[in-house]
Amino acid sequence: MYKRILVATDGTKLSNQAVQHALKLADITGAEVVALKVVPRYPQTYFEGGVALAAEEIKRIEKEWQAEAMEVVNAVKAEGQKLQVKVKPITVKSDLIAEAIIAAAKKHKADLIVMASHGRRGLKRLLLGSETQQVLTHSHIPVLVLR
């Protein structure tokens, strides 16, 4: 049924539920899992009064974010090992989360994308956006959304 499942995670409790579901599905189907965490770039400020950081400080912060992201996806790998599911932990640096998820799914030849949704509605959804909605709208790969 599935050979490779990409699970997008940010390390939150909600996304960890999606991780558990993806791992169980992989265990049942014999699929591999690609655990993905998208790491944002440090925002550059161009507004008057904004505080600009030195390039070295930005690199340090981004390196710290990268290390934290690797901890998240390596935790998925450790959970997969308990079920004897092969997990490939990856991180991608991008400000466009949905696009990064879709691109990673294509690159790693995923048959399914698994991710969580906060289920925001109304003004919160409009203001905060929905990465899940963007993935659902633009992905040509099936997407399983968990709440």
C-alpha atoms as a PDB file:
ATOM      1  CA  MET A   1       0.000   0.000   0.000  1.00  0.00           C
ATOM      2  CA  TYR A   2       2.545   2.612   1.150  1.00  0.00           C
ATOM      3  CA  LYS A   3       6.288   2.336   0.657  1.00  0.00           C
ATOM      4  CA  ARG A   4       7.356   5.688   2.101  1.00  0.00           C
ATOM      5  CA  ILE A   5       5.417   7.963   4.446  1.00  0.00           C
ATOM      6  CA  LEU A   6       6.535  11.517   5.118  1.00  0.00           C
ATOM      7  CA  VAL A   7       5.484  12.827   8.516  1.00  0.00           C
ATOM      8  CA  ALA A   8       5.814  16.540   9.145  1.00  0.00           C
ATOM      9  CA  THR A   9       6.453  17.421  12.758  1.00  0.00           C
ATOM     10  CA  ASP A  10       7.274  20.456  14.829  1.00  0.00           C
ATOM     11  CA  GLY A  11       7.715  18.576  18.091  1.00  0.00           C
ATOM     12  CA  THR A  12       4.431  19.734  19.622  1.00  0.00           C
ATOM     13  CA  LYS A  13       2.011  17.404  21.381  1.00  0.00           C
ATOM     14  CA  LEU A  14      -0.399  17.600  18.448  1.00  0.00           C
ATOM     15  CA  SER A  15       2.236  16.806  15.833  1.00  0.00           C
ATOM     16  CA  ASN A  16       3.522  13.962  18.019  1.00  0.00           C
ATOM     17  CA  GLN A  17       0.088  12.358  17.665  1.00  0.00           C
ATOM     18  CA  ALA A  18       0.556  12.519  13.886  1.00  0.00           C
ATOM     19  CA  VAL A  19       4.012  10.972  14.304  1.00  0.00           C
ATOM     20  CA  GLN A  20       2.600   8.075  16.328  1.00  0.00           C
ATOM     21  CA  HIS A  21      -0.106   7.506  13.736  1.00  0.00           C
ATOM     22  CA  ALA A  22       2.417   7.569  10.881  1.00  0.00           C
ATOM     23  CA  LEU A  23       4.686   5.102  12.682  1.00  0.00           C
ATOM     24  CA  LYS A  24       1.808   2.692  13.363  1.00  0.00           C
ATOM     25  CA  LEU A  25       0.654   2.948   9.756  1.00  0.00           C
ATOM     26  CA  ALA A  26       4.217   2.280   8.568  1.00  0.00           C
ATOM     27  CA  ASP A  27       4.453  -0.698  10.902  1.00  0.00           C
ATOM     28  CA  ILE A  28       1.230  -2.167   9.496  1.00  0.00           C
ATOM     29  CA  THR A  29       2.113  -1.540   5.844  1.00  0.00           C
ATOM     30  CA  GLY A  30       5.862  -2.174   6.008  1.00  0.00           C
ATOM     31  CA  ALA A  31       6.619   1.362   4.848  1.00  0.00           C
ATOM     32  CA  GLU A  32       9.594   3.538   5.698  1.00  0.00           C
ATOM     33  CA  VAL A  33       9.055   6.907   7.347  1.00  0.00           C
ATOM     34  CA  VAL A  34      10.680  10.202   6.497  1.00  0.00           C
ATOM     35  CA  ALA A  35      10.461  12.475   9.546  1.00  0.00           C
ATOM     36  CA  LEU A  36      10.589  16.128   8.496  1.00  0.00           C
ATOM     37  CA  LYS A  37      11.003  19.311  10.513  1.00  0.00           C
ATOM     38  CA  VAL A  38      11.040  22.588   8.615  1.00  0.00           C
ATOM     39  CA  VAL A  39      13.388  25.128  10.171  1.00  0.00           C
ATOM     40  CA  PRO A  40      12.646  28.802   9.463  1.00  0.00           C
ATOM     41  CA  ARG A  41      15.336  31.278   8.537  1.00  0.00           C
ATOM     42  CA  TYR A  42      16.081  34.024  11.013  1.00  0.00           C
ATOM     43  CA  PRO A  43      13.884  37.016  10.097  1.00  0.00           C
ATOM     44  CA  GLN A  44      15.797  40.014   8.833  1.00  0.00           C
ATOM     45  CA  THR A  45      14.432  43.323  10.046  1.00  0.00           C
ATOM     46  CA  TYR A  46      14.225  46.236   7.671  1.00  0.00           C
ATOM     47  CA  PHE A  47      11.830  48.378   9.659  1.00  0.00           C
ATOM     48  CA  GLU A  48      12.933  51.590  11.281  1.00  0.00           C
ATOM     49  CA  GLY A  49      13.681  50.972  14.920  1.00  0.00           C
ATOM     50  CA  GLY A  50      14.191  47.238  14.367  1.00  0.00           C
ATOM     51  CA  VAL A  51      17.206  45.622  15.955  1.00  0.00           C
ATOM     52  CA  ALA A  52      19.592  44.113  13.435  1.00  0.00           C
ATOM     53  CA  LEU A  53      21.810  41.317  14.700  1.00  0.00           C
ATOM     54  CA  ALA A  54      25.344  40.644  13.579  1.00  0.00           C
ATOM     55  CA  ALA A  55      25.740  37.941  10.950  1.00  0.00           C
ATOM     56  CA  GLU A  56      27.604  35.728  13.440  1.00  0.00           C
ATOM     57  CA  GLU A  57      24.728  35.974  15.917  1.00  0.00           C
ATOM     58  CA  ILE A  58      22.188  35.065  13.234  1.00  0.00           C
ATOM     59  CA  LYS A  59      24.303  32.055  12.253  1.00  0.00           C
ATOM     60  CA  ARG A  60      24.501  30.996  15.904  1.00  0.00           C
ATOM     61  CA  ILE A  61      20.719  31.239  16.320  1.00  0.00           C
ATOM     62  CA  GLU A  62      20.022  29.357  13.093  1.00  0.00           C
ATOM     63  CA  LYS A  63      22.528  26.668  14.115  1.00  0.00           C
ATOM     64  CA  GLU A  64      20.715  26.333  17.449  1.00  0.00           C
ATOM     65  CA  TRP A  65      17.353  26.035  15.667  1.00  0.00           C
ATOM     66  CA  GLN A  66      18.851  23.379  13.383  1.00  0.00           C
ATOM     67  CA  ALA A  67      20.135  21.390  16.368  1.00  0.00           C
ATOM     68  CA  GLU A  68      16.711  21.559  18.046  1.00  0.00           C
ATOM     69  CA  ALA A  69      15.071  20.398  14.808  1.00  0.00           C
ATOM     70  CA  MET A  70      17.439  17.437  14.586  1.00  0.00           C
ATOM     71  CA  GLU A  71      16.505  16.479  18.151  1.00  0.00           C
ATOM     72  CA  VAL A  72      12.832  16.440  17.117  1.00  0.00           C
ATOM     73  CA  VAL A  73      13.332  14.214  14.055  1.00  0.00           C
ATOM     74  CA  ASN A  74      15.851  11.983  15.832  1.00  0.00           C
ATOM     75  CA  ALA A  75      13.201  11.404  18.525  1.00  0.00           C
ATOM     76  CA  VAL A  76      10.899  10.157  15.754  1.00  0.00           C
ATOM     77  CA  LYS A  77      13.666   7.829  14.599  1.00  0.00           C
ATOM     78  CA  ALA A  78      14.046   6.488  18.151  1.00  0.00           C
ATOM     79  CA  GLU A  79      10.275   5.873  18.365  1.00  0.00           C
ATOM     80  CA  GLY A  80      10.411   4.093  15.014  1.00  0.00           C
ATOM     81  CA  GLN A  81      13.188   1.805  16.219  1.00  0.00           C
ATOM     82  CA  LYS A  82      10.893   0.593  19.013  1.00  0.00           C
ATOM     83  CA  LEU A  83       8.461  -0.601  16.336  1.00  0.00           C
ATOM     84  CA  GLN A  84      11.255  -1.721  13.997  1.00  0.00           C
ATOM     85  CA  VAL A  85      10.179   0.935  11.493  1.00  0.00           C
ATOM     86  CA  LYS A  86      12.938   2.502   9.408  1.00  0.00           C
ATOM     87  CA  VAL A  87      12.897   6.279   9.893  1.00  0.00           C
ATOM     88  CA  LYS A  88      14.975   8.785   7.960  1.00  0.00           C
ATOM     89  CA  PRO A  89      15.240  12.037   9.973  1.00  0.00           C
ATOM     90  CA  ILE A  90      15.573  15.180   7.856  1.00  0.00           C
ATOM     91  CA  THR A  91      15.356  18.918   8.303  1.00  0.00           C
ATOM     92  CA  VAL A  92      14.828  21.596   5.684  1.00  0.00           C
ATOM     93  CA  LYS A  93      15.543  25.306   6.068  1.00  0.00           C
ATOM     94  CA  SER A  94      12.670  27.346   4.609  1.00  0.00           C
ATOM     95  CA  ASP A  95      10.238  30.110   5.464  1.00  0.00           C
ATOM     96  CA  LEU A  96       7.615  28.488   3.236  1.00  0.00           C
ATOM     97  CA  ILE A  97       6.621  25.519   5.349  1.00  0.00           C
ATOM     98  CA  ALA A  98       3.926  24.011   3.133  1.00  0.00           C
ATOM     99  CA  GLU A  99       6.090  24.283   0.023  1.00  0.00           C
ATOM    100  CA  ALA A 100       9.008  22.698   1.880  1.00  0.00           C
ATOM    101  CA  ILE A 101       6.826  19.776   2.998  1.00  0.00           C
ATOM    102  CA  ILE A 102       5.565  19.147  -0.533  1.00  0.00           C
ATOM    103  CA  ALA A 103       9.070  19.448  -2.015  1.00  0.00           C
ATOM    104  CA  ALA A 104      10.500  17.030   0.562  1.00  0.00           C
ATOM    105  CA  ALA A 105       7.708  14.540  -0.132  1.00  0.00           C
ATOM    106  CA  LYS A 106       8.511  14.663  -3.849  1.00  0.00           C
ATOM    107  CA  LYS A 107      12.276  14.483  -3.298  1.00  0.00           C
ATOM    108  CA  HIS A 108      11.988  11.453  -1.024  1.00  0.00           C
ATOM    109  CA  LYS A 109       9.318   9.805  -3.188  1.00  0.00           C
ATOM    110  CA  ALA A 110       6.706   9.663  -0.438  1.00  0.00           C
ATOM    111  CA  ASP A 111       3.401   7.916  -1.135  1.00  0.00           C
ATOM    112  CA  LEU A 112       1.651   9.721   1.731  1.00  0.00           C
ATOM    113  CA  ILE A 113       2.096  12.875   3.791  1.00  0.00           C
ATOM    114  CA  VAL A 114       0.937  12.701   7.415  1.00  0.00           C
ATOM    115  CA  MET A 115       0.538  15.887   9.426  1.00  0.00           C
ATOM    116  CA  ALA A 116      -1.529  17.433  12.178  1.00  0.00           C
ATOM    117  CA  SER A 117      -3.932  20.330  12.017  1.00  0.00           C
ATOM    118  CA  HIS A 118      -4.899  22.641  14.836  1.00  0.00           C
ATOM    119  CA  GLY A 119      -8.356  22.994  13.294  1.00  0.00           C
ATOM    120  CA  ARG A 120      -8.434  26.763  13.560  1.00  0.00           C
ATOM    121  CA  ARG A 121     -11.488  28.484  12.158  1.00  0.00           C
ATOM    122  CA  GLY A 122     -12.636  31.957  11.314  1.00  0.00           C
ATOM    123  CA  LEU A 123     -10.398  34.911  12.061  1.00  0.00           C
ATOM    124  CA  LYS A 124      -7.638  32.839  13.679  1.00  0.00           C
ATOM    125  CA  ARG A 125      -7.345  30.751  10.525  1.00  0.00           C
ATOM    126  CA  LEU A 126      -7.321  33.864   8.363  1.00  0.00           C
ATOM    127  CA  LEU A 127      -4.671  35.589  10.468  1.00  0.00           C
ATOM    128  CA  LEU A 128      -2.484  32.603  11.292  1.00  0.00           C
ATOM    129  CA  GLY A 129      -2.914  30.807   7.985  1.00  0.00           C
ATOM    130  CA  SER A 130      -2.916  27.083   7.633  1.00  0.00           C
ATOM    131  CA  GLU A 131       0.126  25.178   6.482  1.00  0.00           C
ATOM    132  CA  THR A 132      -1.996  22.043   6.462  1.00  0.00           C
ATOM    133  CA  GLN A 133      -4.530  23.692   4.160  1.00  0.00           C
ATOM    134  CA  GLN A 134      -1.742  24.754   1.810  1.00  0.00           C
ATOM    135  CA  VAL A 135      -0.357  21.218   1.692  1.00  0.00           C
ATOM    136  CA  LEU A 136      -3.834  19.796   1.069  1.00  0.00           C
ATOM    137  CA  THR A 137      -4.449  22.305  -1.708  1.00  0.00           C
ATOM    138  CA  HIS A 138      -1.148  21.990  -3.552  1.00  0.00           C
ATOM    139  CA  SER A 139       0.063  18.429  -2.961  1.00  0.00           C
ATOM    140  CA  HIS A 140      -0.335  15.788  -5.644  1.00  0.00           C
ATOM    141  CA  ILE A 141       0.484  13.182  -3.011  1.00  0.00           C
ATOM    142  CA  PRO A 142      -2.278  11.955  -0.664  1.00  0.00           C
ATOM    143  CA  VAL A 143      -2.352  13.778   2.679  1.00  0.00           C
ATOM    144  CA  LEU A 144      -3.608  12.332   5.948  1.00  0.00           C
ATOM    145  CA  VAL A 145      -4.534  15.087   8.420  1.00  0.00           C
ATOM    146  CA  LEU A 146      -4.955  14.334  12.110  1.00  0.00           C
ATOM    147  CA  ARG A 147      -6.557  16.508  14.776  1.00  0.00           C
END
